Amino acid sequence: MSMPQSGELEVAATSLETPADEQAIQGRSLRQIAWRRLKHDKVAMAGGFGIILVTLVAVFASQLNNLLGNQPSERNTNLTSGDTTMPYGRFSGASADHWLGIQPVDGLDILARLIAGARTSLMISVSAMAVSLLIGLTVGIVSGYYRGSVDAVVSRLLDVLLAFPVLLFAIALMSIFAMSPSFLGMKGQTLNFAVLIFVLGFFGFAYLARIVRGQVLSLREKEFVDAARSLGASDWRIITREILPNLMGPVLVWVTLTIPSYILGEAGLSYLGVGVQPPTPSWGNTLNTAGIFFQNDPMFLVWPGMALFLTVLSFNLFGDGLRDALDPKSTR
């Protein structure tokens, strides 16, 4: 048996070396995997772009209206007919100065009120979501982690809230506070916003609490929780360090799907006349005003309806995409 020559040994050693152009396989975290799946979902990214656009409009509403040269409370009665109170011209009197036209009777610029209404709708819906998030997380974690009699009481409370006629209660509560000059030091627009946020936020936390409770019931039986408990970790540490981080996926999806429902809730209450009150601009009260004139001026009804529709659609598309990206069993 002949021994291999030195040249043959060099060739064999070279063949075992990894090629220079091949990269070593790197592991990815769950966050990186979710982001990679999300950014390849074109529909979800389009929804995310819509959310960013609406948010920027809401944040810079005053600057945008100043740039366009119109204010939501600026009347242009000289552009409306004294006999019919309708705007002169077609499409609600649209012109170079008033891109979407003006409202009948008072001549308020429609685009300026839509821009300012975006701030109102987002501020109320995000604030109500924060209230629901705080209460829902707390109640769901306590119920699922401690179980027993605590879970039984909380579950029955959630059943009552989910069966409660929220719309009728909201209309009654908003009507009562509308006649109240002040409450807890709040009055006027501040009181109106606070009651809206409370109604939407408090009666919406039950859905999140149900989701969180189910997740916590499963997580508390996992091996990493048992390991932390065996090492002497307190309940607070287990909840904040072990359980809470594993709830972020479902909670993020809930947030993206709840904000649009609260936007619709605020718009619905304002449309019924018990939500945001004029002259404060809101998409809901703009629809309320437009409903009186839609037969003679349909475009006045179209614009706030389109703003509401596109905003809610953007949140829903992004929420669906985020849910698929965070679900490891999803095939999308």
Protein backbone atom coordinates (compact mmCIF):
# COMPACT_ATOMS: atom_id res chain seq x y z
CA MET A 1 0.00 0.00 0.00
CA SER A 2 1.62 3.23 -1.17
CA MET A 3 1.61 6.37 0.94
CA PRO A 4 -0.05 9.50 -0.57
CA GLN A 5 2.32 12.09 -1.91
CA SER A 6 2.52 15.62 -0.49
CA GLY A 7 0.76 17.10 -3.53
CA GLU A 8 -2.17 14.74 -3.05
CA LEU A 9 -2.38 15.71 0.62
CA GLU A 10 -2.55 19.40 -0.32
CA VAL A 11 -5.37 18.76 -2.81
CA ALA A 12 -7.33 16.78 -0.21
CA ALA A 13 -6.85 19.47 2.44
CA THR A 14 -7.94 22.17 0.00
CA SER A 15 -11.11 20.24 -0.89
CA LEU A 16 -12.08 20.13 2.78
CA GLU A 17 -11.82 23.88 3.20
CA THR A 18 -15.01 25.97 3.05
CA PRO A 19 -15.19 28.13 -0.11
CA ALA A 20 -14.55 31.81 0.55
CA ASP A 21 -17.82 32.96 -1.04
CA GLU A 22 -19.99 30.80 1.24
CA GLN A 23 -21.26 32.51 4.38
CA ALA A 24 -21.63 30.70 7.67
CA ILE A 25 -25.24 29.93 8.57
CA GLN A 26 -26.46 32.47 11.12
CA GLY A 27 -29.42 32.00 13.42
CA ARG A 28 -32.24 34.54 13.49
CA SER A 29 -34.29 35.65 16.44
CA LEU A 30 -38.07 35.41 16.41
CA ARG A 31 -38.23 39.18 15.99
CA GLN A 32 -36.00 39.03 12.89
CA ILE A 33 -38.03 36.18 11.42
CA ALA A 34 -41.29 38.07 12.02
CA TRP A 35 -39.93 41.26 10.46
CA ARG A 36 -38.63 39.33 7.43
CA ARG A 37 -42.04 37.74 6.89
CA LEU A 38 -43.85 41.04 7.44
CA LYS A 39 -41.77 43.09 4.99
CA HIS A 40 -42.43 40.53 2.27
CA ASP A 41 -46.17 40.93 2.76
CA LYS A 42 -46.89 43.77 0.31
CA VAL A 43 -50.49 44.19 1.42
CA ALA A 44 -49.49 44.55 5.08
CA MET A 45 -46.73 47.00 4.21
CA ALA A 46 -49.22 49.08 2.21
CA GLY A 47 -51.42 49.16 5.31
CA GLY A 48 -48.42 50.18 7.40
CA PHE A 49 -47.67 53.02 4.98
CA GLY A 50 -51.27 54.19 5.33
CA ILE A 51 -50.97 54.14 9.13
CA ILE A 52 -47.77 56.20 9.00
CA LEU A 53 -49.39 58.68 6.61
CA VAL A 54 -52.48 59.18 8.79
CA THR A 55 -50.33 59.48 11.90
CA LEU A 56 -48.16 62.17 10.31
CA VAL A 57 -51.25 64.06 9.17
CA ALA A 58 -52.66 63.90 12.71
CA VAL A 59 -49.41 64.98 14.37
CA PHE A 60 -48.77 67.87 11.97
CA ALA A 61 -52.42 68.84 11.39
CA SER A 62 -51.94 72.49 12.38
CA GLN A 63 -48.83 72.90 10.24
CA LEU A 64 -50.53 71.29 7.22
CA ASN A 65 -53.55 73.58 7.49
CA ASN A 66 -51.29 76.61 7.82
CA LEU A 67 -49.40 75.48 4.72
CA LEU A 68 -52.63 75.04 2.76
CA GLY A 69 -53.91 78.41 3.96
CA ASN A 70 -57.16 77.19 5.51
CA GLN A 71 -58.30 76.62 9.08
CA PRO A 72 -61.02 74.18 10.22
CA SER A 73 -63.00 76.98 11.94
CA GLU A 74 -62.60 79.62 9.20
CA ARG A 75 -65.95 80.47 7.63
CA ASN A 76 -66.32 81.30 3.92
CA THR A 77 -69.97 82.30 3.73
CA ASN A 78 -69.25 84.46 0.69
CA LEU A 79 -68.74 81.20 -1.26
CA THR A 80 -72.18 79.80 -0.42
CA SER A 81 -75.52 80.80 -1.89
CA GLY A 82 -77.67 82.99 0.30
CA ASP A 83 -80.83 81.31 -1.01
CA THR A 84 -79.89 77.62 -0.94
CA THR A 85 -76.91 77.80 1.50
CA MET A 86 -75.09 75.45 -0.92
CA PRO A 87 -71.55 76.13 -2.21
CA TYR A 88 -71.16 77.74 -5.62
CA GLY A 89 -69.82 75.41 -8.29
CA ARG A 90 -69.54 71.66 -8.66
CA PHE A 91 -68.04 69.14 -6.22
CA SER A 92 -68.86 71.17 -3.11
CA GLY A 93 -67.33 74.26 -4.63
CA ALA A 94 -63.88 72.71 -5.09
CA SER A 95 -61.24 75.19 -6.28
CA ALA A 96 -57.52 75.93 -6.11
CA ASP A 97 -58.04 77.46 -2.65
CA HIS A 98 -60.38 74.75 -1.38
CA TRP A 99 -59.25 71.44 -2.87
CA LEU A 100 -62.16 69.34 -1.61
CA GLY A 101 -64.69 72.16 -1.49
CA ILE A 102 -66.50 73.75 1.42
CA GLN A 103 -69.38 72.83 3.68
CA PRO A 104 -72.88 74.18 3.02
CA VAL A 105 -74.22 77.02 5.18
CA ASP A 106 -71.01 78.00 7.02
CA GLY A 107 -68.47 77.47 4.22
CA LEU A 108 -65.92 75.62 6.36
CA ASP A 109 -63.09 74.07 4.33
CA ILE A 110 -63.67 70.30 4.08
CA LEU A 111 -60.00 69.35 3.70
CA ALA A 112 -58.97 71.44 6.72
CA ARG A 113 -61.62 69.77 8.86
CA LEU A 114 -60.62 66.31 7.64
CA ILE A 115 -56.98 67.00 8.55
CA ALA A 116 -57.93 68.33 11.98
CA GLY A 117 -60.42 65.48 12.41
CA ALA A 118 -57.62 62.95 11.91
CA ARG A 119 -55.94 64.31 15.04
CA THR A 120 -59.19 64.09 17.02
CA SER A 121 -59.98 60.54 15.93
CA LEU A 122 -56.46 59.19 16.50
CA MET A 123 -56.03 60.94 19.84
CA ILE A 124 -59.28 59.50 21.22
CA SER A 125 -58.78 56.01 19.78
CA VAL A 126 -55.14 55.67 20.89
CA SER A 127 -55.96 56.97 24.38
CA ALA A 128 -58.89 54.56 24.68
CA MET A 129 -56.65 51.73 23.47
CA ALA A 130 -54.10 52.60 26.19
CA VAL A 131 -56.85 52.42 28.83
CA SER A 132 -58.03 49.04 27.54
CA LEU A 133 -54.45 47.79 27.30
CA LEU A 134 -53.61 48.70 30.90
CA ILE A 135 -56.80 47.24 32.39
CA GLY A 136 -56.96 44.22 30.08
CA LEU A 137 -53.35 43.16 30.67
CA THR A 138 -53.67 43.53 34.44
CA VAL A 139 -56.97 41.67 34.72
CA GLY A 140 -55.99 38.93 32.27
CA ILE A 141 -52.62 38.23 33.90
CA VAL A 142 -54.03 38.18 37.44
CA SER A 143 -56.89 35.90 36.38
CA GLY A 144 -54.77 33.46 34.42
CA TYR A 145 -51.81 33.33 36.79
CA TYR A 146 -53.59 32.95 40.14
CA ARG A 147 -56.60 30.96 38.85
CA GLY A 148 -58.97 29.59 41.50
CA SER A 149 -61.59 31.90 42.95
CA VAL A 150 -59.89 34.97 41.46
CA ASP A 151 -60.22 33.52 37.97
CA ALA A 152 -63.86 32.55 38.59
CA VAL A 153 -64.85 36.06 39.70
CA VAL A 154 -62.95 37.77 36.90
CA SER A 155 -64.37 35.43 34.26
CA ARG A 156 -67.94 36.16 35.34
CA LEU A 157 -67.19 39.89 35.30
CA LEU A 158 -65.85 39.62 31.77
CA ASP A 159 -68.97 37.71 30.71
CA VAL A 160 -71.14 40.54 32.02
CA LEU A 161 -69.10 43.21 30.24
CA LEU A 162 -69.12 41.31 26.94
CA ALA A 163 -72.92 41.00 27.13
CA PHE A 164 -73.46 44.61 28.21
CA PRO A 165 -75.30 46.92 25.73
CA VAL A 166 -72.35 49.29 25.38
CA LEU A 167 -73.86 51.51 22.68
CA LEU A 168 -77.01 52.30 24.66
CA PHE A 169 -74.98 52.92 27.82
CA ALA A 170 -72.54 55.15 25.92
CA ILE A 171 -75.36 57.23 24.44
CA ALA A 172 -76.97 57.65 27.85
CA LEU A 173 -73.68 58.49 29.59
CA MET A 174 -72.59 60.96 26.90
CA SER A 175 -75.99 62.67 27.04
CA ILE A 176 -75.80 63.02 30.82
CA PHE A 177 -72.31 64.54 30.78
CA ALA A 178 -73.24 66.82 27.89
CA MET A 179 -75.66 68.56 30.26
CA SER A 180 -73.13 68.68 33.10
CA PRO A 181 -71.08 71.91 33.28
CA SER A 182 -68.08 70.16 34.90
CA PHE A 183 -66.95 66.91 36.49
CA LEU A 184 -63.78 66.25 38.51
CA GLY A 185 -62.42 69.61 37.44
CA MET A 186 -62.98 68.91 33.74
CA LYS A 187 -65.41 70.78 31.53
CA GLY A 188 -66.17 71.52 27.92
CA GLN A 189 -64.10 69.71 25.30
CA THR A 190 -61.79 68.13 27.91
CA LEU A 191 -64.75 66.51 29.70
CA ASN A 192 -66.22 65.39 26.38
CA PHE A 193 -62.96 63.70 25.33
CA ALA A 194 -62.46 62.11 28.77
CA VAL A 195 -65.93 60.54 28.78
CA LEU A 196 -65.44 59.22 25.23
CA ILE A 197 -62.07 57.69 26.12
CA PHE A 198 -63.52 56.12 29.27
CA VAL A 199 -66.53 54.63 27.47
CA LEU A 200 -64.47 53.16 24.63
CA GLY A 201 -61.52 52.07 26.77
CA PHE A 202 -63.31 50.59 29.77
CA PHE A 203 -65.88 48.58 27.85
CA GLY A 204 -63.26 47.34 25.39
CA PHE A 205 -60.76 45.79 27.77
CA ALA A 206 -62.75 42.55 28.21
CA TYR A 207 -61.69 41.20 24.81
CA LEU A 208 -58.00 41.68 25.58
CA ALA A 209 -58.41 40.26 29.10
CA ARG A 210 -59.90 37.07 27.61
CA ILE A 211 -56.97 36.70 25.19
CA VAL A 212 -54.35 37.37 27.88
CA ARG A 213 -56.00 35.03 30.38
CA GLY A 214 -55.90 32.14 27.93
CA GLN A 215 -52.26 32.78 27.06
CA VAL A 216 -51.21 33.06 30.71
CA LEU A 217 -53.00 29.83 31.63
CA SER A 218 -50.81 28.10 29.06
CA LEU A 219 -47.57 29.95 29.80
CA ARG A 220 -47.65 29.38 33.56
CA GLU A 221 -47.31 25.62 32.96
CA LYS A 222 -44.24 25.93 30.72
CA GLU A 223 -40.83 24.59 31.76
CA PHE A 224 -39.11 27.99 31.89
CA VAL A 225 -41.73 29.25 34.38
CA ASP A 226 -41.29 26.12 36.51
CA ALA A 227 -37.52 26.65 36.40
CA ALA A 228 -37.83 30.26 37.52
CA ARG A 229 -40.21 29.23 40.31
CA SER A 230 -37.85 26.48 41.50
CA LEU A 231 -35.02 29.03 41.70
CA GLY A 232 -37.08 31.09 44.13
CA ALA A 233 -38.29 33.83 41.75
CA SER A 234 -41.21 35.87 43.08
CA ASP A 235 -44.57 36.03 41.33
CA TRP A 236 -43.81 39.61 40.22
CA ARG A 237 -40.53 38.57 38.63
CA ILE A 238 -42.10 35.57 36.90
CA ILE A 239 -44.91 37.72 35.50
CA THR A 240 -42.71 40.60 34.34
CA ARG A 241 -39.65 38.63 33.17
CA GLU A 242 -41.06 35.32 31.94
CA ILE A 243 -44.73 35.71 31.06
CA LEU A 244 -45.16 39.31 29.93
CA PRO A 245 -42.52 39.21 27.12
CA ASN A 246 -44.29 36.16 25.65
CA LEU A 247 -47.56 38.12 25.47
CA MET A 248 -46.19 40.85 23.22
CA GLY A 249 -47.12 39.09 19.97
CA PRO A 250 -50.86 38.71 20.66
CA VAL A 251 -50.98 42.14 22.31
CA LEU A 252 -49.40 43.88 19.29
CA VAL A 253 -51.91 42.24 16.97
CA TRP A 254 -54.75 43.26 19.32
CA VAL A 255 -53.52 46.87 19.32
CA THR A 256 -53.46 47.13 15.52
CA LEU A 257 -56.97 45.67 15.26
CA THR A 258 -58.46 47.61 18.18
CA ILE A 259 -57.46 51.15 17.21
CA PRO A 260 -59.61 51.06 14.03
CA SER A 261 -62.58 49.71 15.99
CA TYR A 262 -62.25 52.62 18.41
CA ILE A 263 -61.97 55.05 15.49
CA LEU A 264 -65.27 53.66 14.20
CA GLY A 265 -66.74 53.79 17.72
CA GLU A 266 -65.87 57.47 18.11
CA ALA A 267 -67.15 58.24 14.61
CA GLY A 268 -70.38 56.38 15.31
CA LEU A 269 -71.05 58.22 18.57
CA SER A 270 -70.18 61.55 16.95
CA TYR A 271 -72.45 60.74 14.01
CA LEU A 272 -75.29 60.11 16.48
CA GLY A 273 -74.61 63.52 18.01
CA VAL A 274 -73.35 62.34 21.42
CA GLY A 275 -69.63 62.12 20.66
CA VAL A 276 -67.29 64.96 19.73
CA GLN A 277 -69.31 68.14 19.64
CA PRO A 278 -68.92 70.97 17.09
CA PRO A 279 -67.02 73.15 16.47
CA THR A 280 -64.33 70.56 17.30
CA PRO A 281 -63.64 68.77 13.98
CA SER A 282 -64.22 65.03 13.84
CA TRP A 283 -64.86 62.63 10.99
CA GLY A 284 -67.99 61.45 12.77
CA ASN A 285 -69.62 64.85 13.26
CA THR A 286 -68.61 65.79 9.70
CA LEU A 287 -70.57 62.76 8.49
CA ASN A 288 -73.43 63.87 10.70
CA THR A 289 -73.49 67.29 9.08
CA ALA A 290 -73.06 65.83 5.59
CA GLY A 291 -76.03 63.53 6.08
CA ILE A 292 -78.36 66.52 5.93
CA PHE A 293 -77.09 67.66 2.52
CA PHE A 294 -76.05 64.43 0.78
CA GLN A 295 -78.91 64.54 -1.73
CA ASN A 296 -77.83 67.95 -3.01
CA ASP A 297 -74.10 67.67 -2.26
CA PRO A 298 -73.00 64.00 -2.25
CA MET A 299 -69.28 64.82 -2.34
CA PHE A 300 -69.54 66.38 1.11
CA LEU A 301 -70.46 62.90 2.39
CA VAL A 302 -67.89 61.04 0.28
CA TRP A 303 -64.71 62.67 1.61
CA PRO A 304 -65.07 61.98 5.35
CA GLY A 305 -66.40 58.52 4.53
CA MET A 306 -63.33 57.80 2.39
CA ALA A 307 -60.98 59.09 5.09
CA LEU A 308 -62.62 56.83 7.66
CA PHE A 309 -62.69 53.84 5.30
CA LEU A 310 -59.04 54.09 4.21
CA THR A 311 -57.76 54.61 7.75
CA VAL A 312 -59.63 51.62 9.16
CA LEU A 313 -58.62 49.50 6.15
CA SER A 314 -54.94 50.38 6.65
CA PHE A 315 -55.01 49.31 10.29
CA ASN A 316 -56.85 46.08 9.49
CA LEU A 317 -54.50 45.12 6.64
CA PHE A 318 -51.43 45.77 8.76
CA GLY A 319 -52.94 43.93 11.72
CA ASP A 320 -53.71 40.85 9.60
CA GLY A 321 -50.18 40.87 8.18
CA LEU A 322 -48.64 41.28 11.62
CA ARG A 323 -50.70 38.38 12.95
CA ASP A 324 -49.48 36.12 10.12
CA ALA A 325 -45.86 37.25 10.61
CA LEU A 326 -45.94 36.46 14.33
CA ASP A 327 -47.63 33.07 13.85
CA PRO A 328 -44.97 30.40 13.29
CA LYS A 329 -47.61 27.99 11.93
CA SER A 330 -48.72 30.41 9.22
CA THR A 331 -47.85 29.44 5.65
CA ARG A 332 -48.24 32.92 4.18
